[in-house]
Amino acid sequence: MGKILKWFGIVLTALVFAIGLLVLGMRFSDGPLEIISGGPFKTGELTIHPDDWSFLTGRDSIEFQTMDPSTSRTVWLGVYDRRLFLVSGYMTTGYGKLWKHWPHYLEEDNRVILRIDGKLYEQRMQRIMDGPEVVPVLNLFNRKYGLGAQASSTEVTEGHTWMYEVVPR
């Protein structure tokens, strides 16, 4: 039994070490790897922002990079009324506090770079706390990602979900 526990401990330690190396190494990569944050974008063609984001309707996710710290991630998106919205849920949960750091980065510097199909868009993220778009955008996310229930604006006004509109710099 002791031998089995010893080998289990060795394998577990090696696994934790390998995951740690992957996460650390991703900080130097050209963008994120699915749910693992990456480094700043090194490739892509700088492009002027569109007035209409409808071309992203039906797309599940996009990559974006914050400026400080200069890291990138993949996020879900929603297009409503030709406008692009990103949300970060679970902001008041233990899971959210561990995983969702990027919204806090935007409080100091809301400039971002979106990378979509190899094109870079220098934008800003404007936090939406209330307004007529809140419920329709949340309903869009609920339908798109199979989250079920009818949305309520209290999700945003009480800070459980942070909603952003992507706007020009």
N, C-alpha and C. Protein backbone atom coordinates (compact mmCIF):
# COMPACT_ATOMS: atom_id res chain seq x y z
N MET A 1 0.83 -1.20 0.00
CA MET A 1 0.00 0.00 0.00
C MET A 1 0.87 1.26 0.00
N GLY A 2 1.95 1.23 0.77
CA GLY A 2 2.84 2.38 0.84
C GLY A 2 3.48 2.69 -0.49
N LYS A 3 3.80 1.63 -1.26
CA LYS A 3 4.41 1.81 -2.57
C LYS A 3 3.44 2.50 -3.54
N ILE A 4 2.19 2.09 -3.47
CA ILE A 4 1.16 2.69 -4.33
C ILE A 4 1.00 4.17 -4.00
N LEU A 5 0.93 4.50 -2.73
CA LEU A 5 0.80 5.90 -2.34
C LEU A 5 2.00 6.72 -2.77
N LYS A 6 3.18 6.14 -2.67
CA LYS A 6 4.40 6.83 -3.09
C LYS A 6 4.33 7.15 -4.59
N TRP A 7 3.98 6.15 -5.41
CA TRP A 7 3.87 6.38 -6.85
C TRP A 7 2.75 7.35 -7.20
N PHE A 8 1.66 7.25 -6.47
CA PHE A 8 0.57 8.21 -6.69
C PHE A 8 1.05 9.62 -6.40
N GLY A 9 1.79 9.80 -5.34
CA GLY A 9 2.34 11.11 -5.00
C GLY A 9 3.30 11.63 -6.05
N ILE A 10 4.13 10.75 -6.59
CA ILE A 10 5.09 11.14 -7.64
C ILE A 10 4.34 11.56 -8.90
N VAL A 11 3.35 10.77 -9.30
CA VAL A 11 2.57 11.09 -10.51
C VAL A 11 1.81 12.40 -10.31
N LEU A 12 1.20 12.57 -9.17
CA LEU A 12 0.45 13.80 -8.88
C LEU A 12 1.37 15.02 -8.90
N THR A 13 2.52 14.90 -8.30
CA THR A 13 3.49 16.00 -8.29
C THR A 13 3.94 16.33 -9.71
N ALA A 14 4.22 15.32 -10.50
CA ALA A 14 4.64 15.54 -11.89
C ALA A 14 3.53 16.21 -12.70
N LEU A 15 2.29 15.81 -12.46
CA LEU A 15 1.15 16.41 -13.17
C LEU A 15 1.00 17.88 -12.79
N VAL A 16 1.06 18.18 -11.52
CA VAL A 16 0.94 19.58 -11.06
C VAL A 16 2.09 20.41 -11.63
N PHE A 17 3.28 19.88 -11.64
CA PHE A 17 4.44 20.57 -12.20
C PHE A 17 4.25 20.83 -13.69
N ALA A 18 3.77 19.84 -14.43
CA ALA A 18 3.55 20.00 -15.88
C ALA A 18 2.49 21.05 -16.17
N ILE A 19 1.40 21.04 -15.41
CA ILE A 19 0.35 22.05 -15.60
C ILE A 19 0.89 23.43 -15.28
N GLY A 20 1.68 23.53 -14.21
CA GLY A 20 2.29 24.81 -13.86
C GLY A 20 3.19 25.34 -14.96
N LEU A 21 4.00 24.46 -15.56
CA LEU A 21 4.86 24.85 -16.66
C LEU A 21 4.05 25.31 -17.87
N LEU A 22 2.96 24.62 -18.16
CA LEU A 22 2.10 25.00 -19.28
C LEU A 22 1.52 26.40 -19.06
N VAL A 23 0.96 26.63 -17.88
CA VAL A 23 0.36 27.94 -17.58
C VAL A 23 1.41 29.04 -17.64
N LEU A 24 2.57 28.80 -17.06
CA LEU A 24 3.65 29.79 -17.10
C LEU A 24 4.13 30.02 -18.52
N GLY A 25 4.31 28.96 -19.26
CA GLY A 25 4.76 29.08 -20.64
C GLY A 25 3.77 29.82 -21.52
N MET A 26 2.49 29.71 -21.23
CA MET A 26 1.46 30.39 -22.02
C MET A 26 1.60 31.91 -21.93
N ARG A 27 2.19 32.43 -20.87
CA ARG A 27 2.38 33.88 -20.73
C ARG A 27 3.29 34.43 -21.80
N PHE A 28 4.06 33.56 -22.46
CA PHE A 28 4.99 33.99 -23.50
C PHE A 28 4.49 33.62 -24.90
N SER A 29 3.30 33.03 -24.97
CA SER A 29 2.77 32.59 -26.26
C SER A 29 2.04 33.73 -26.97
N ASP A 30 1.77 33.52 -28.23
CA ASP A 30 1.03 34.48 -29.05
C ASP A 30 -0.46 34.21 -28.87
N GLY A 31 -1.01 34.68 -27.77
CA GLY A 31 -2.43 34.51 -27.53
C GLY A 31 -2.76 33.33 -26.65
N PRO A 32 -4.05 33.18 -26.31
CA PRO A 32 -4.50 32.13 -25.39
C PRO A 32 -4.63 30.78 -26.06
N LEU A 33 -4.77 29.77 -25.22
CA LEU A 33 -5.05 28.41 -25.67
C LEU A 33 -6.34 27.99 -24.98
N GLU A 34 -7.45 28.17 -25.68
CA GLU A 34 -8.79 27.90 -25.14
C GLU A 34 -9.00 28.60 -23.80
N ILE A 35 -9.10 27.87 -22.68
CA ILE A 35 -9.38 28.51 -21.39
C ILE A 35 -8.13 28.97 -20.66
N ILE A 36 -6.96 28.70 -21.23
CA ILE A 36 -5.71 29.10 -20.59
C ILE A 36 -5.26 30.44 -21.15
N SER A 37 -5.12 31.44 -20.28
CA SER A 37 -4.69 32.76 -20.70
C SER A 37 -3.33 32.68 -21.36
N GLY A 38 -3.11 33.58 -22.32
CA GLY A 38 -1.85 33.62 -23.04
C GLY A 38 -1.17 34.96 -22.93
N GLY A 39 -0.12 35.09 -23.67
CA GLY A 39 0.64 36.33 -23.69
C GLY A 39 0.04 37.33 -24.66
N PRO A 40 0.73 38.45 -24.84
CA PRO A 40 0.24 39.47 -25.76
C PRO A 40 0.29 38.97 -27.21
N PHE A 41 -0.58 39.53 -28.03
CA PHE A 41 -0.62 39.15 -29.43
C PHE A 41 0.67 39.59 -30.12
N LYS A 42 1.23 38.68 -30.90
CA LYS A 42 2.44 38.97 -31.68
C LYS A 42 2.14 38.98 -33.17
N THR A 43 1.01 38.39 -33.53
CA THR A 43 0.65 38.33 -34.94
C THR A 43 -0.73 38.93 -35.14
N GLY A 44 -1.00 39.33 -36.36
CA GLY A 44 -2.28 39.90 -36.73
C GLY A 44 -2.09 41.22 -37.43
N GLU A 45 -3.06 41.57 -38.23
CA GLU A 45 -3.02 42.79 -39.02
C GLU A 45 -3.91 43.84 -38.36
N LEU A 46 -3.31 44.98 -38.00
CA LEU A 46 -4.08 46.07 -37.39
C LEU A 46 -5.12 46.58 -38.37
N THR A 47 -6.37 46.62 -37.92
CA THR A 47 -7.50 46.95 -38.77
C THR A 47 -8.39 47.96 -38.06
N ILE A 48 -9.01 48.85 -38.82
CA ILE A 48 -9.93 49.82 -38.25
C ILE A 48 -11.19 49.09 -37.77
N HIS A 49 -11.76 49.57 -36.68
CA HIS A 49 -12.94 48.90 -36.12
C HIS A 49 -14.15 49.07 -37.03
N PRO A 50 -15.00 48.06 -37.06
CA PRO A 50 -16.22 48.17 -37.86
C PRO A 50 -17.30 48.95 -37.11
N ASP A 51 -18.20 49.55 -37.84
CA ASP A 51 -19.36 50.21 -37.23
C ASP A 51 -20.45 49.21 -36.90
N ASP A 52 -20.36 48.04 -37.51
CA ASP A 52 -21.37 47.00 -37.35
C ASP A 52 -20.66 45.67 -37.07
N TRP A 53 -20.90 45.11 -35.89
CA TRP A 53 -20.26 43.86 -35.49
C TRP A 53 -21.10 42.64 -35.87
N SER A 54 -22.12 42.81 -36.68
CA SER A 54 -23.02 41.70 -37.03
C SER A 54 -22.30 40.52 -37.67
N PHE A 55 -21.15 40.76 -38.28
CA PHE A 55 -20.43 39.65 -38.90
C PHE A 55 -19.98 38.60 -37.88
N LEU A 56 -20.06 38.94 -36.59
CA LEU A 56 -19.71 37.98 -35.54
C LEU A 56 -20.91 37.21 -35.02
N THR A 57 -22.11 37.52 -35.49
CA THR A 57 -23.31 36.80 -35.05
C THR A 57 -23.14 35.32 -35.36
N GLY A 58 -23.39 34.49 -34.39
CA GLY A 58 -23.25 33.05 -34.57
C GLY A 58 -21.88 32.52 -34.16
N ARG A 59 -20.93 33.40 -33.97
CA ARG A 59 -19.60 32.97 -33.50
C ARG A 59 -19.67 32.77 -31.99
N ASP A 60 -18.98 31.75 -31.49
CA ASP A 60 -19.02 31.44 -30.07
C ASP A 60 -18.10 32.31 -29.22
N SER A 61 -16.88 32.53 -29.70
CA SER A 61 -15.91 33.22 -28.86
C SER A 61 -14.92 34.01 -29.71
N ILE A 62 -14.22 34.91 -29.04
CA ILE A 62 -13.14 35.68 -29.67
C ILE A 62 -11.99 35.78 -28.66
N GLU A 63 -10.85 36.20 -29.16
CA GLU A 63 -9.69 36.45 -28.30
C GLU A 63 -9.57 37.95 -28.06
N PHE A 64 -9.17 38.31 -26.85
CA PHE A 64 -8.84 39.71 -26.62
C PHE A 64 -7.70 39.81 -25.62
N GLN A 65 -7.00 40.93 -25.71
CA GLN A 65 -5.83 41.17 -24.88
C GLN A 65 -6.05 42.44 -24.07
N THR A 66 -5.78 42.36 -22.78
CA THR A 66 -5.76 43.56 -21.94
C THR A 66 -4.38 44.20 -22.08
N MET A 67 -4.28 45.46 -21.70
CA MET A 67 -3.02 46.17 -21.85
C MET A 67 -2.16 46.09 -20.59
N ASP A 68 -2.78 46.08 -19.43
CA ASP A 68 -2.02 46.04 -18.17
C ASP A 68 -2.76 45.16 -17.18
N PRO A 69 -2.38 43.92 -17.02
CA PRO A 69 -1.22 43.28 -17.62
C PRO A 69 -1.49 42.89 -19.07
N SER A 70 -0.42 42.72 -19.81
CA SER A 70 -0.52 42.41 -21.22
C SER A 70 -0.70 40.90 -21.40
N THR A 71 -1.94 40.45 -21.18
CA THR A 71 -2.28 39.04 -21.32
C THR A 71 -3.52 38.91 -22.19
N SER A 72 -3.73 37.73 -22.72
CA SER A 72 -4.86 37.50 -23.62
C SER A 72 -5.69 36.32 -23.13
N ARG A 73 -6.92 36.28 -23.60
CA ARG A 73 -7.83 35.22 -23.20
C ARG A 73 -8.90 35.05 -24.28
N THR A 74 -9.62 33.95 -24.16
CA THR A 74 -10.75 33.67 -25.05
C THR A 74 -12.03 33.89 -24.25
N VAL A 75 -12.99 34.61 -24.83
CA VAL A 75 -14.26 34.88 -24.14
C VAL A 75 -15.44 34.67 -25.07
N TRP A 76 -16.58 34.41 -24.45
CA TRP A 76 -17.83 34.33 -25.19
C TRP A 76 -18.23 35.73 -25.62
N LEU A 77 -19.02 35.80 -26.69
CA LEU A 77 -19.45 37.10 -27.19
C LEU A 77 -20.93 37.08 -27.54
N GLY A 78 -21.49 38.27 -27.61
CA GLY A 78 -22.85 38.43 -28.06
C GLY A 78 -22.96 39.67 -28.92
N VAL A 79 -23.71 39.59 -29.99
CA VAL A 79 -23.95 40.75 -30.85
C VAL A 79 -25.43 41.09 -30.75
N TYR A 80 -25.68 42.33 -30.34
CA TYR A 80 -27.05 42.81 -30.19
C TYR A 80 -27.13 44.19 -30.83
N ASP A 81 -28.08 44.37 -31.73
CA ASP A 81 -28.29 45.66 -32.38
C ASP A 81 -26.99 46.15 -33.03
N ARG A 82 -26.26 45.21 -33.68
CA ARG A 82 -25.00 45.48 -34.38
C ARG A 82 -23.86 45.88 -33.46
N ARG A 83 -24.08 45.78 -32.14
CA ARG A 83 -23.07 46.13 -31.14
C ARG A 83 -22.51 44.86 -30.53
N LEU A 84 -21.23 44.89 -30.13
CA LEU A 84 -20.54 43.73 -29.58
C LEU A 84 -20.47 43.84 -28.06
N PHE A 85 -20.90 42.75 -27.40
CA PHE A 85 -20.91 42.69 -25.94
C PHE A 85 -20.14 41.47 -25.46
N LEU A 86 -19.45 41.63 -24.34
CA LEU A 86 -18.78 40.54 -23.65
C LEU A 86 -19.26 40.57 -22.21
N VAL A 87 -19.43 39.41 -21.62
CA VAL A 87 -19.85 39.36 -20.22
C VAL A 87 -18.92 38.45 -19.43
N SER A 88 -18.85 38.73 -18.16
CA SER A 88 -18.11 37.88 -17.24
C SER A 88 -19.05 37.54 -16.10
N GLY A 89 -19.47 36.30 -16.06
CA GLY A 89 -20.39 35.86 -15.01
C GLY A 89 -19.65 35.36 -13.78
N TYR A 90 -20.41 34.98 -12.80
CA TYR A 90 -19.89 34.37 -11.57
C TYR A 90 -18.97 35.31 -10.78
N MET A 91 -19.15 36.62 -10.94
CA MET A 91 -18.22 37.58 -10.33
C MET A 91 -18.30 37.62 -8.81
N THR A 92 -19.39 37.15 -8.23
CA THR A 92 -19.51 37.17 -6.77
C THR A 92 -19.35 35.78 -6.15
N THR A 93 -18.92 34.83 -6.96
CA THR A 93 -18.73 33.47 -6.45
C THR A 93 -17.26 33.22 -6.15
N GLY A 94 -16.99 32.20 -5.37
CA GLY A 94 -15.60 31.81 -5.09
C GLY A 94 -14.87 31.45 -6.37
N TYR A 95 -15.55 30.71 -7.25
CA TYR A 95 -14.98 30.33 -8.54
C TYR A 95 -14.63 31.57 -9.35
N GLY A 96 -15.54 32.52 -9.39
CA GLY A 96 -15.30 33.75 -10.15
C GLY A 96 -14.14 34.56 -9.61
N LYS A 97 -14.02 34.60 -8.31
CA LYS A 97 -12.93 35.36 -7.70
C LYS A 97 -11.58 34.73 -8.01
N LEU A 98 -11.54 33.42 -8.17
CA LEU A 98 -10.29 32.74 -8.53
C LEU A 98 -9.98 32.85 -10.02
N TRP A 99 -11.01 32.77 -10.84
CA TRP A 99 -10.81 32.61 -12.28
C TRP A 99 -10.95 33.91 -13.07
N LYS A 100 -11.81 34.81 -12.64
CA LYS A 100 -12.17 35.97 -13.44
C LYS A 100 -11.39 37.23 -13.02
N HIS A 101 -10.17 37.35 -13.48
CA HIS A 101 -9.34 38.50 -13.13
C HIS A 101 -9.45 39.63 -14.16
N TRP A 102 -9.71 39.28 -15.42
CA TRP A 102 -9.67 40.29 -16.46
C TRP A 102 -10.63 41.45 -16.26
N PRO A 103 -11.82 41.26 -15.71
CA PRO A 103 -12.68 42.43 -15.52
C PRO A 103 -12.06 43.46 -14.56
N HIS A 104 -11.31 42.98 -13.59
CA HIS A 104 -10.66 43.89 -12.65
C HIS A 104 -9.53 44.66 -13.32
N TYR A 105 -8.85 44.04 -14.29
CA TYR A 105 -7.82 44.75 -15.03
C TYR A 105 -8.41 45.95 -15.77
N LEU A 106 -9.64 45.80 -16.25
CA LEU A 106 -10.27 46.86 -17.04
C LEU A 106 -10.67 48.07 -16.20
N GLU A 107 -10.72 47.91 -14.90
CA GLU A 107 -11.07 49.05 -14.05
C GLU A 107 -9.98 50.11 -14.09
N GLU A 108 -8.74 49.70 -14.27
CA GLU A 108 -7.61 50.64 -14.34
C GLU A 108 -7.34 51.10 -15.77
N ASP A 109 -7.46 50.21 -16.73
CA ASP A 109 -7.16 50.51 -18.13
C ASP A 109 -8.11 49.70 -18.99
N ASN A 110 -9.09 50.36 -19.59
CA ASN A 110 -10.12 49.62 -20.32
C ASN A 110 -9.78 49.42 -21.81
N ARG A 111 -8.55 49.72 -22.20
CA ARG A 111 -8.14 49.48 -23.59
C ARG A 111 -7.88 47.98 -23.79
N VAL A 112 -8.32 47.49 -24.93
CA VAL A 112 -8.11 46.09 -25.29
C VAL A 112 -7.77 46.00 -26.77
N ILE A 113 -7.27 44.85 -27.15
CA ILE A 113 -7.09 44.52 -28.55
C ILE A 113 -7.86 43.23 -28.80
N LEU A 114 -8.75 43.25 -29.77
CA LEU A 114 -9.46 42.03 -30.17
C LEU A 114 -8.68 41.41 -31.33
N ARG A 115 -8.60 40.08 -31.35
CA ARG A 115 -8.03 39.41 -32.52
C ARG A 115 -9.09 38.49 -33.07
N ILE A 116 -9.52 38.80 -34.29
CA ILE A 116 -10.59 38.07 -34.94
C ILE A 116 -10.14 37.73 -36.36
N ASP A 117 -10.04 36.46 -36.65
CA ASP A 117 -9.63 36.00 -37.98
C ASP A 117 -8.33 36.65 -38.45
N GLY A 118 -7.38 36.78 -37.53
CA GLY A 118 -6.08 37.34 -37.87
C GLY A 118 -6.04 38.86 -37.96
N LYS A 119 -7.14 39.51 -37.65
CA LYS A 119 -7.19 40.98 -37.67
C LYS A 119 -7.22 41.49 -36.24
N LEU A 120 -6.49 42.58 -35.99
CA LEU A 120 -6.42 43.19 -34.67
C LEU A 120 -7.24 44.48 -34.66
N TYR A 121 -8.08 44.61 -33.65
CA TYR A 121 -8.94 45.79 -33.50
C TYR A 121 -8.61 46.43 -32.15
N GLU A 122 -8.07 47.64 -32.16
CA GLU A 122 -7.79 48.36 -30.92
C GLU A 122 -9.10 49.00 -30.46
N GLN A 123 -9.57 48.59 -29.30
CA GLN A 123 -10.88 48.98 -28.79
C GLN A 123 -10.78 49.36 -27.32
N ARG A 124 -11.92 49.67 -26.74
CA ARG A 124 -12.09 49.85 -25.30
C ARG A 124 -13.27 49.00 -24.87
N MET A 125 -13.28 48.66 -23.59
CA MET A 125 -14.42 47.94 -23.03
C MET A 125 -15.13 48.89 -22.07
N GLN A 126 -16.35 49.20 -22.39
CA GLN A 126 -17.16 50.10 -21.56
C GLN A 126 -18.11 49.25 -20.73
N ARG A 127 -17.98 49.33 -19.42
CA ARG A 127 -18.84 48.52 -18.55
C ARG A 127 -20.26 49.07 -18.58
N ILE A 128 -21.22 48.17 -18.70
CA ILE A 128 -22.64 48.52 -18.72
C ILE A 128 -23.22 48.07 -17.38
N MET A 129 -23.77 49.01 -16.64
CA MET A 129 -24.34 48.71 -15.33
C MET A 129 -25.87 48.62 -15.37
N ASP A 130 -26.46 49.33 -16.31
CA ASP A 130 -27.91 49.27 -16.50
C ASP A 130 -28.21 49.85 -17.87
N GLY A 131 -29.47 49.78 -18.24
CA GLY A 131 -29.88 50.31 -19.53
C GLY A 131 -30.77 49.34 -20.28
N PRO A 132 -31.32 49.80 -21.39
CA PRO A 132 -32.28 48.98 -22.13
C PRO A 132 -31.66 47.75 -22.80
N GLU A 133 -30.34 47.73 -22.97
CA GLU A 133 -29.71 46.59 -23.63
C GLU A 133 -29.39 45.45 -22.69
N VAL A 134 -29.44 45.67 -21.38
CA VAL A 134 -28.99 44.65 -20.42
C VAL A 134 -29.78 43.35 -20.56
N VAL A 135 -31.08 43.39 -20.43
CA VAL A 135 -31.87 42.15 -20.47
C VAL A 135 -31.80 41.48 -21.84
N PRO A 136 -31.93 42.21 -22.96
CA PRO A 136 -31.81 41.53 -24.25
C PRO A 136 -30.44 40.87 -24.46
N VAL A 137 -29.37 41.52 -24.02
CA VAL A 137 -28.04 40.93 -24.18
C VAL A 137 -27.90 39.69 -23.30
N LEU A 138 -28.35 39.76 -22.05
CA LEU A 138 -28.28 38.59 -21.17
C LEU A 138 -29.13 37.44 -21.73
N ASN A 139 -30.32 37.76 -22.27
CA ASN A 139 -31.15 36.72 -22.88
C ASN A 139 -30.44 36.10 -24.08
N LEU A 140 -29.74 36.92 -24.86
CA LEU A 140 -28.98 36.42 -25.99
C LEU A 140 -27.93 35.41 -25.52
N PHE A 141 -27.19 35.75 -24.48
CA PHE A 141 -26.19 34.83 -23.93
C PHE A 141 -26.84 33.57 -23.39
N ASN A 142 -27.96 33.72 -22.69
CA ASN A 142 -28.65 32.55 -22.13
C ASN A 142 -29.10 31.59 -23.23
N ARG A 143 -29.67 32.13 -24.32
CA ARG A 143 -30.10 31.28 -25.43
C ARG A 143 -28.90 30.68 -26.15
N LYS A 144 -27.91 31.50 -26.43
CA LYS A 144 -26.75 31.08 -27.22
C LYS A 144 -25.96 29.97 -26.53
N TYR A 145 -25.83 30.06 -25.22
CA TYR A 145 -24.99 29.12 -24.50
C TYR A 145 -25.78 28.15 -23.63
N GLY A 146 -27.10 28.05 -23.87
CA GLY A 146 -27.92 27.07 -23.19
C GLY A 146 -27.99 27.23 -21.68
N LEU A 147 -28.01 28.48 -21.22
CA LEU A 147 -28.04 28.74 -19.78
C LEU A 147 -29.46 28.73 -19.23
N GLY A 148 -30.44 28.65 -20.11
CA GLY A 148 -31.80 28.42 -19.66
C GLY A 148 -32.62 29.64 -19.28
N ALA A 149 -32.64 29.98 -18.02
CA ALA A 149 -33.60 30.91 -17.43
C ALA A 149 -33.66 32.27 -18.12
N GLN A 150 -34.82 32.90 -17.94
CA GLN A 150 -35.03 34.26 -18.42
C GLN A 150 -34.13 35.20 -17.62
N ALA A 151 -33.45 36.09 -18.32
CA ALA A 151 -32.49 37.00 -17.67
C ALA A 151 -33.20 38.08 -16.88
N SER A 152 -32.48 38.56 -15.88
CA SER A 152 -32.96 39.68 -15.07
C SER A 152 -31.85 40.71 -15.00
N SER A 153 -32.21 41.97 -15.06
CA SER A 153 -31.21 43.04 -15.00
C SER A 153 -30.48 43.07 -13.66
N THR A 154 -31.05 42.44 -12.63
CA THR A 154 -30.38 42.42 -11.32
C THR A 154 -29.07 41.65 -11.37
N GLU A 155 -28.93 40.72 -12.32
CA GLU A 155 -27.65 40.02 -12.48
C GLU A 155 -26.52 41.03 -12.69
N VAL A 156 -26.81 42.07 -13.48
CA VAL A 156 -25.80 43.09 -13.78
C VAL A 156 -25.78 44.18 -12.71
N THR A 157 -26.94 44.67 -12.32
CA THR A 157 -26.98 45.77 -11.36
C THR A 157 -26.43 45.38 -9.99
N GLU A 158 -26.55 44.10 -9.62
CA GLU A 158 -26.02 43.63 -8.34
C GLU A 158 -24.59 43.11 -8.45
N GLY A 159 -24.02 43.13 -9.66
CA GLY A 159 -22.63 42.76 -9.84
C GLY A 159 -22.32 41.29 -9.97
N HIS A 160 -23.34 40.44 -10.11
CA HIS A 160 -23.09 39.01 -10.29
C HIS A 160 -22.47 38.76 -11.67
N THR A 161 -22.92 39.54 -12.65
CA THR A 161 -22.40 39.48 -14.01
C THR A 161 -21.93 40.87 -14.38
N TRP A 162 -20.72 40.96 -14.94
CA TRP A 162 -20.22 42.23 -15.43
C TRP A 162 -20.35 42.22 -16.94
N MET A 163 -21.02 43.24 -17.47
CA MET A 163 -21.28 43.33 -18.90
C MET A 163 -20.47 44.48 -19.49
N TYR A 164 -19.92 44.23 -20.67
CA TYR A 164 -19.12 45.23 -21.36
C TYR A 164 -19.59 45.38 -22.79
N GLU A 165 -19.58 46.61 -23.28
CA GLU A 165 -19.74 46.85 -24.70
C GLU A 165 -18.37 47.20 -25.26
N VAL A 166 -18.03 46.62 -26.40
CA VAL A 166 -16.79 46.94 -27.07
C VAL A 166 -17.03 48.21 -27.88
N VAL A 167 -16.24 49.24 -27.58
CA VAL A 167 -16.40 50.54 -28.23
C VAL A 167 -15.05 51.02 -28.78
N PRO A 168 -15.08 51.96 -29.74
CA PRO A 168 -13.81 52.47 -30.29
C PRO A 168 -12.99 53.21 -29.23
N ARG A 169 -11.69 53.26 -29.45
CA ARG A 169 -10.81 54.01 -28.55
C ARG A 169 -10.98 55.49 -28.77
